[in-house]
Amino acid sequence: MDKPRKLKRAAYLTLVWLGCQACADVAPWERGVMAKDIMSLDPNPNLNHIRDHIFTSREAAQGGRSGSGGGCGCN
């Protein structure tokens, strides 16, 4: 094997090894700040539901959701 090929192989194996390290499980007590509710994708589901309800009642031409009523804001 020539030197550039060995170097490429070593770099590839290093990347594979680093990728395997990223697949480790994280225990709940090790999560720290990331386990807080504010860090979730939807930190306030009630507010999101209200905003979604307002949007569906205002948007008369929206499809694919269960919104009812017209664009006037009434249900």
N, C-alpha and C. Protein backbone atom coordinates (compact mmCIF):
# COMPACT_ATOMS: atom_id res chain seq x y z
N MET A 1 0.83 -1.18 0.00
CA MET A 1 0.00 0.00 0.00
C MET A 1 0.88 1.25 0.00
N ASP A 2 0.48 2.22 -0.79
CA ASP A 2 1.25 3.45 -0.80
C ASP A 2 0.79 4.37 0.32
N LYS A 3 1.58 5.39 0.58
CA LYS A 3 1.35 6.26 1.74
C LYS A 3 0.02 7.03 1.66
N PRO A 4 -0.36 7.66 0.53
CA PRO A 4 -1.65 8.37 0.49
C PRO A 4 -2.85 7.46 0.74
N ARG A 5 -2.75 6.24 0.26
CA ARG A 5 -3.85 5.29 0.47
C ARG A 5 -3.97 4.91 1.94
N LYS A 6 -2.84 4.72 2.61
CA LYS A 6 -2.86 4.42 4.04
C LYS A 6 -3.42 5.60 4.83
N LEU A 7 -3.05 6.80 4.42
CA LEU A 7 -3.54 8.00 5.10
C LEU A 7 -5.05 8.14 4.94
N LYS A 8 -5.56 7.89 3.74
CA LYS A 8 -7.00 7.94 3.50
C LYS A 8 -7.73 6.88 4.32
N ARG A 9 -7.15 5.71 4.39
CA ARG A 9 -7.78 4.63 5.16
C ARG A 9 -7.81 4.97 6.64
N ALA A 10 -6.72 5.53 7.15
CA ALA A 10 -6.67 5.92 8.56
C ALA A 10 -7.68 7.03 8.85
N ALA A 11 -7.80 7.99 7.94
CA ALA A 11 -8.77 9.07 8.13
C ALA A 11 -10.19 8.52 8.10
N TYR A 12 -10.47 7.60 7.19
CA TYR A 12 -11.80 6.99 7.11
C TYR A 12 -12.13 6.22 8.38
N LEU A 13 -11.19 5.41 8.86
CA LEU A 13 -11.43 4.65 10.08
C LEU A 13 -11.61 5.56 11.29
N THR A 14 -10.89 6.67 11.31
CA THR A 14 -11.05 7.64 12.40
C THR A 14 -12.45 8.24 12.37
N LEU A 15 -12.93 8.60 11.18
CA LEU A 15 -14.28 9.16 11.06
C LEU A 15 -15.35 8.14 11.46
N VAL A 16 -15.16 6.89 11.07
CA VAL A 16 -16.10 5.84 11.47
C VAL A 16 -16.10 5.67 12.98
N TRP A 17 -14.93 5.69 13.58
CA TRP A 17 -14.81 5.54 15.03
C TRP A 17 -15.49 6.71 15.74
N LEU A 18 -15.28 7.94 15.24
CA LEU A 18 -15.93 9.10 15.85
C LEU A 18 -17.45 9.04 15.67
N GLY A 19 -17.90 8.53 14.54
CA GLY A 19 -19.33 8.38 14.32
C GLY A 19 -19.96 7.38 15.26
N CYS A 20 -19.23 6.32 15.57
CA CYS A 20 -19.75 5.33 16.52
C CYS A 20 -19.81 5.91 17.93
N GLN A 21 -18.94 6.81 18.26
CA GLN A 21 -18.96 7.44 19.57
C GLN A 21 -20.20 8.32 19.74
N ALA A 22 -20.69 8.88 18.65
CA ALA A 22 -21.87 9.74 18.71
C ALA A 22 -23.15 8.94 18.91
N CYS A 23 -23.12 7.63 18.74
CA CYS A 23 -24.31 6.80 18.87
C CYS A 23 -24.51 6.29 20.29
N ALA A 24 -23.73 6.76 21.24
CA ALA A 24 -23.83 6.27 22.62
C ALA A 24 -25.12 6.78 23.26
N ASP A 25 -25.70 5.97 24.13
CA ASP A 25 -26.88 6.37 24.87
C ASP A 25 -26.49 7.36 25.96
N VAL A 26 -27.38 8.32 26.20
CA VAL A 26 -27.16 9.31 27.25
C VAL A 26 -28.17 9.05 28.35
N ALA A 27 -27.68 8.88 29.55
CA ALA A 27 -28.57 8.64 30.69
C ALA A 27 -29.32 9.93 31.05
N PRO A 28 -30.52 9.82 31.64
CA PRO A 28 -31.29 11.02 31.97
C PRO A 28 -30.55 12.01 32.87
N TRP A 29 -29.76 11.52 33.80
CA TRP A 29 -29.05 12.43 34.70
C TRP A 29 -27.84 13.07 34.04
N GLU A 30 -27.47 12.60 32.86
CA GLU A 30 -26.35 13.19 32.13
C GLU A 30 -26.80 14.25 31.12
N ARG A 31 -28.07 14.43 30.95
CA ARG A 31 -28.57 15.34 29.93
C ARG A 31 -28.47 16.80 30.34
N GLY A 32 -28.59 17.09 31.61
CA GLY A 32 -28.43 18.46 32.09
C GLY A 32 -29.45 19.41 31.51
N VAL A 33 -28.98 20.47 30.90
CA VAL A 33 -29.84 21.53 30.38
C VAL A 33 -30.72 21.02 29.24
N MET A 34 -30.24 20.06 28.47
CA MET A 34 -31.00 19.57 27.33
C MET A 34 -32.27 18.84 27.73
N ALA A 35 -32.39 18.41 28.97
CA ALA A 35 -33.57 17.69 29.43
C ALA A 35 -34.67 18.62 29.92
N LYS A 36 -34.42 19.91 29.97
CA LYS A 36 -35.43 20.86 30.45
C LYS A 36 -36.53 21.02 29.40
N ASP A 37 -37.73 21.35 29.87
CA ASP A 37 -38.88 21.49 28.98
C ASP A 37 -38.69 22.60 27.96
N ILE A 38 -38.00 23.65 28.32
CA ILE A 38 -37.81 24.78 27.43
C ILE A 38 -36.97 24.41 26.21
N MET A 39 -36.20 23.33 26.29
CA MET A 39 -35.35 22.91 25.19
C MET A 39 -36.07 21.98 24.21
N SER A 40 -37.31 21.63 24.48
CA SER A 40 -38.04 20.74 23.57
C SER A 40 -38.45 21.50 22.31
N LEU A 41 -38.83 20.78 21.28
CA LEU A 41 -39.24 21.41 20.03
C LEU A 41 -40.52 22.22 20.21
N ASP A 42 -41.36 21.79 21.11
CA ASP A 42 -42.62 22.48 21.38
C ASP A 42 -42.70 22.74 22.89
N PRO A 43 -42.04 23.80 23.39
CA PRO A 43 -41.97 24.01 24.83
C PRO A 43 -43.31 24.36 25.46
N ASN A 44 -44.25 24.92 24.69
CA ASN A 44 -45.55 25.28 25.24
C ASN A 44 -46.63 24.76 24.30
N PRO A 45 -47.04 23.49 24.46
CA PRO A 45 -48.00 22.92 23.51
C PRO A 45 -49.37 23.60 23.54
N ASN A 46 -49.78 24.14 24.69
CA ASN A 46 -51.09 24.81 24.75
C ASN A 46 -51.10 26.06 23.88
N LEU A 47 -50.04 26.85 23.96
CA LEU A 47 -49.95 28.06 23.15
C LEU A 47 -49.90 27.71 21.67
N ASN A 48 -49.19 26.67 21.35
CA ASN A 48 -49.11 26.24 19.96
C ASN A 48 -50.48 25.79 19.45
N HIS A 49 -51.25 25.12 20.29
CA HIS A 49 -52.60 24.68 19.91
C HIS A 49 -53.50 25.88 19.66
N ILE A 50 -53.40 26.90 20.49
CA ILE A 50 -54.22 28.10 20.32
C ILE A 50 -53.85 28.81 19.02
N ARG A 51 -52.56 28.95 18.76
CA ARG A 51 -52.12 29.59 17.52
C ARG A 51 -52.58 28.79 16.30
N ASP A 52 -52.53 27.49 16.39
CA ASP A 52 -52.97 26.63 15.30
C ASP A 52 -54.48 26.79 15.07
N HIS A 53 -55.23 26.89 16.16
CA HIS A 53 -56.67 27.07 16.05
C HIS A 53 -57.01 28.40 15.38
N ILE A 54 -56.32 29.46 15.77
CA ILE A 54 -56.56 30.77 15.18
C ILE A 54 -56.20 30.75 13.69
N PHE A 55 -55.10 30.11 13.36
CA PHE A 55 -54.68 30.05 11.96
C PHE A 55 -55.68 29.29 11.11
N THR A 56 -56.18 28.16 11.61
CA THR A 56 -57.12 27.37 10.81
C THR A 56 -58.45 28.08 10.66
N SER A 57 -58.86 28.88 11.63
CA SER A 57 -60.14 29.57 11.49
C SER A 57 -60.01 30.80 10.60
N ARG A 58 -58.83 31.36 10.47
CA ARG A 58 -58.64 32.53 9.60
C ARG A 58 -58.35 32.14 8.15
N GLU A 59 -57.70 31.04 7.96
CA GLU A 59 -57.28 30.64 6.62
C GLU A 59 -58.38 29.79 5.99
N ALA A 60 -59.17 30.38 5.12
CA ALA A 60 -60.31 29.68 4.53
C ALA A 60 -59.88 28.66 3.49
N ALA A 61 -58.75 28.87 2.85
CA ALA A 61 -58.35 27.99 1.76
C ALA A 61 -57.40 26.89 2.21
N GLN A 62 -57.28 26.68 3.47
CA GLN A 62 -56.33 25.68 3.97
C GLN A 62 -56.95 24.30 3.87
N GLY A 63 -56.16 23.34 3.46
CA GLY A 63 -56.63 21.97 3.37
C GLY A 63 -55.71 21.03 4.13
N GLY A 64 -56.16 19.82 4.36
CA GLY A 64 -55.33 18.82 5.01
C GLY A 64 -55.40 18.85 6.52
N ARG A 65 -56.12 19.76 7.08
CA ARG A 65 -56.31 19.81 8.53
C ARG A 65 -57.79 19.78 8.83
N SER A 66 -58.12 19.72 10.08
CA SER A 66 -59.53 19.62 10.45
C SER A 66 -60.12 20.98 10.78
N GLY A 67 -59.66 22.02 10.14
CA GLY A 67 -60.19 23.35 10.40
C GLY A 67 -61.57 23.52 9.78
N SER A 68 -62.46 24.12 10.53
CA SER A 68 -63.80 24.36 10.01
C SER A 68 -64.08 25.85 10.05
N GLY A 69 -65.07 26.26 9.32
CA GLY A 69 -65.42 27.67 9.30
C GLY A 69 -64.80 28.37 8.11
N GLY A 70 -65.13 29.62 7.97
CA GLY A 70 -64.62 30.40 6.85
C GLY A 70 -63.45 31.26 7.27
N GLY A 71 -63.14 32.23 6.44
CA GLY A 71 -62.04 33.13 6.72
C GLY A 71 -62.41 34.26 7.66
N CYS A 72 -63.65 34.25 8.17
CA CYS A 72 -64.10 35.34 9.02
C CYS A 72 -63.65 35.18 10.47
N GLY A 73 -63.17 34.01 10.85
CA GLY A 73 -62.74 33.77 12.23
C GLY A 73 -63.79 33.07 13.06
N CYS A 74 -64.94 32.78 12.50
CA CYS A 74 -65.98 32.08 13.25
C CYS A 74 -65.89 30.58 12.97
N ASN A 75 -66.35 29.80 13.90
CA ASN A 75 -66.33 28.34 13.71
C ASN A 75 -67.73 27.85 13.51
